[in-house]
N, C-alpha and C. Protein backbone atom coordinates (compact mmCIF):
# COMPACT_ATOMS: atom_id res chain seq x y z
N MET A 1 101.68 130.27 122.13
CA MET A 1 101.09 130.32 123.36
C MET A 1 100.82 128.90 124.10
N ILE A 2 101.39 128.52 124.79
CA ILE A 2 100.56 127.05 124.94
C ILE A 2 99.89 127.48 126.62
N VAL A 3 98.77 126.24 126.14
CA VAL A 3 97.90 126.37 127.43
C VAL A 3 97.79 125.48 127.73
N PRO A 4 97.86 125.18 128.77
CA PRO A 4 97.90 123.47 129.74
C PRO A 4 96.10 123.27 129.76
N VAL A 5 95.54 122.10 129.11
CA VAL A 5 94.06 121.59 129.42
C VAL A 5 93.99 120.72 130.23
N ARG A 6 93.28 119.85 131.44
CA ARG A 6 92.76 118.65 131.85
C ARG A 6 91.72 118.10 131.17
N LEU A 7 91.52 116.87 130.64
CA LEU A 7 90.39 116.25 130.31
C LEU A 7 90.79 115.07 131.70
N ASP A 8 88.90 115.14 131.66
CA ASP A 8 89.07 114.06 133.14
C ASP A 8 87.86 112.87 131.91
N VAL A 9 88.44 111.95 131.94
CA VAL A 9 87.42 110.49 131.00
C VAL A 9 86.62 110.00 131.83
N GLU A 10 85.47 109.99 131.40
CA GLU A 10 84.06 109.10 132.29
C GLU A 10 84.15 107.64 132.09
N LYS A 11 84.42 107.80 130.70
CA LYS A 11 83.44 106.24 129.50
C LYS A 11 84.37 106.51 128.93
N VAL A 12 84.80 104.80 128.33
CA VAL A 12 85.20 104.34 127.54
C VAL A 12 84.72 103.32 126.44
N GLU A 13 84.62 103.37 125.16
CA GLU A 13 83.65 102.22 124.56
C GLU A 13 84.25 101.57 123.73
N GLY A 14 84.30 100.34 123.45
CA GLY A 14 85.31 99.66 122.08
C GLY A 14 84.43 99.30 121.54
N THR A 15 84.32 98.95 120.43
CA THR A 15 84.44 97.65 119.50
C THR A 15 85.04 96.28 119.14
N TRP A 16 84.03 95.61 118.55
CA TRP A 16 84.90 94.41 118.18
C TRP A 16 85.06 94.55 116.80
N LYS A 17 85.91 94.85 116.07
CA LYS A 17 86.53 94.56 114.56
C LYS A 17 87.60 93.60 114.32
N PHE A 18 87.57 92.39 114.47
CA PHE A 18 88.79 91.84 114.04
C PHE A 18 89.45 91.31 112.63
N SER A 19 88.45 91.68 111.75
CA SER A 19 88.60 90.96 110.16
C SER A 19 89.69 92.49 109.34
N GLN A 20 88.80 94.34 109.47
CA GLN A 20 88.84 94.96 108.38
C GLN A 20 89.00 94.92 107.54
N ASN A 21 88.21 93.53 107.06
CA ASN A 21 88.17 93.60 105.69
C ASN A 21 89.25 93.32 104.58
N LYS A 22 90.35 92.30 105.73
CA LYS A 22 91.48 92.01 105.03
C LYS A 22 91.19 90.23 104.70
N PRO A 23 92.34 90.02 103.75
CA PRO A 23 92.31 88.26 103.39
C PRO A 23 92.57 87.75 104.76
N GLY A 24 92.23 86.61 104.40
CA GLY A 24 92.69 85.43 105.62
C GLY A 24 94.26 85.86 106.06
N GLU A 25 95.26 85.39 105.42
CA GLU A 25 96.21 85.69 105.27
C GLU A 25 96.73 86.68 105.86
N ALA A 26 96.23 87.38 105.83
CA ALA A 26 96.68 89.25 106.76
C ALA A 26 95.87 88.92 108.27
N ARG A 27 94.81 88.28 108.43
CA ARG A 27 93.99 87.77 109.98
C ARG A 27 94.77 87.50 110.89
N LEU A 28 95.28 85.84 110.02
CA LEU A 28 96.37 85.23 110.46
C LEU A 28 97.21 85.65 111.07
N SER A 29 98.06 86.75 110.37
CA SER A 29 98.88 87.49 110.77
C SER A 29 98.97 88.25 112.10
N ALA A 30 97.87 88.92 111.92
CA ALA A 30 97.39 90.37 113.21
C ALA A 30 97.36 89.10 114.38
N ALA A 31 96.91 87.94 114.07
CA ALA A 31 96.53 86.87 115.63
C ALA A 31 98.00 86.62 115.62
N GLN A 32 98.94 86.05 115.35
CA GLN A 32 100.41 86.09 115.32
C GLN A 32 100.60 86.82 115.73
N GLY A 33 100.66 88.05 115.63
CA GLY A 33 101.32 89.47 116.35
C GLY A 33 100.72 89.66 117.46
N VAL A 34 99.38 89.42 117.87
CA VAL A 34 98.83 89.74 119.19
C VAL A 34 99.45 88.46 120.13
N GLU A 35 99.67 86.98 119.89
CA GLU A 35 100.11 85.93 120.51
C GLU A 35 101.58 86.55 120.67
N GLU A 36 102.01 86.67 120.36
CA GLU A 36 103.91 87.08 120.58
C GLU A 36 103.63 88.39 121.29
N ALA A 37 102.65 89.08 121.61
CA ALA A 37 102.58 89.80 121.92
C ALA A 37 102.11 89.43 123.75
N GLY A 38 102.08 88.17 123.43
CA GLY A 38 101.43 88.21 125.24
C GLY A 38 99.64 87.80 125.46
N GLU A 39 99.08 88.10 124.20
CA GLU A 39 97.85 87.79 124.85
C GLU A 39 97.13 87.28 123.90
N ILE A 40 97.67 85.71 124.52
CA ILE A 40 96.97 84.35 123.67
C ILE A 40 95.37 83.88 123.71
N ALA A 41 94.63 84.82 124.64
CA ALA A 41 93.40 84.58 124.52
C ALA A 41 92.75 84.81 123.38
N LEU A 42 93.16 86.37 123.49
CA LEU A 42 92.69 87.01 122.10
C LEU A 42 93.06 86.70 120.71
N ALA A 43 94.35 86.33 120.73
CA ALA A 43 94.88 85.68 119.53
C ALA A 43 93.94 83.92 118.98
N GLU A 44 93.60 83.68 120.03
CA GLU A 44 92.60 82.03 119.86
C GLU A 44 91.17 82.69 119.09
N LEU A 45 90.71 83.80 119.74
CA LEU A 45 89.80 84.06 119.86
C LEU A 45 89.73 84.41 118.54
N MET A 46 90.22 85.61 117.56
CA MET A 46 91.01 85.95 116.49
C MET A 46 90.71 84.99 115.45
N ARG A 47 90.84 83.66 115.83
CA ARG A 47 91.76 82.57 115.51
C ARG A 47 90.33 81.69 114.55
N LEU A 48 89.65 82.03 115.98
CA LEU A 48 88.25 81.34 115.88
C LEU A 48 87.18 82.32 114.84
N LEU A 49 87.07 83.20 115.24
CA LEU A 49 86.58 84.24 114.22
C LEU A 49 86.72 83.85 112.77
N LEU A 50 88.20 83.59 112.57
CA LEU A 50 88.56 83.80 111.34
C LEU A 50 88.18 82.50 110.54
N ASP A 51 87.91 81.15 111.42
CA ASP A 51 87.62 80.07 110.90
C ASP A 51 86.09 79.83 110.89
N GLY A 52 85.29 81.10 110.90
CA GLY A 52 84.02 80.95 111.40
C GLY A 52 83.13 80.18 112.57
N HIS A 53 84.33 79.41 113.20
CA HIS A 53 83.48 78.99 114.55
C HIS A 53 83.10 79.32 115.27
N ALA A 54 82.95 80.84 115.68
CA ALA A 54 82.50 81.53 116.94
C ALA A 54 82.10 83.46 116.12
N ASP A 55 81.25 84.05 117.05
CA ASP A 55 80.70 85.34 116.65
C ASP A 55 81.00 85.70 117.30
N ALA A 56 81.09 87.32 117.00
CA ALA A 56 82.02 88.46 117.96
C ALA A 56 80.72 88.72 119.20
N PRO A 57 81.89 89.17 120.13
CA PRO A 57 80.43 89.48 121.24
C PRO A 57 79.77 90.10 120.62
N ASP A 58 78.66 90.62 121.58
CA ASP A 58 78.11 92.22 121.52
C ASP A 58 78.90 92.75 122.09
């Protein structure tokens, strides 16, 4: 039997986690994929974090 259910989302929380404990090459590849998807600013931030020039926002 299928029972319909409705859920109302009241709050969504996210976290910053770019590295995933992966090597630099994998992280650069992820940034490239993000950039190719059109998220230029996010890709730039990912590269900055990889280079150690910025800290992740709280």
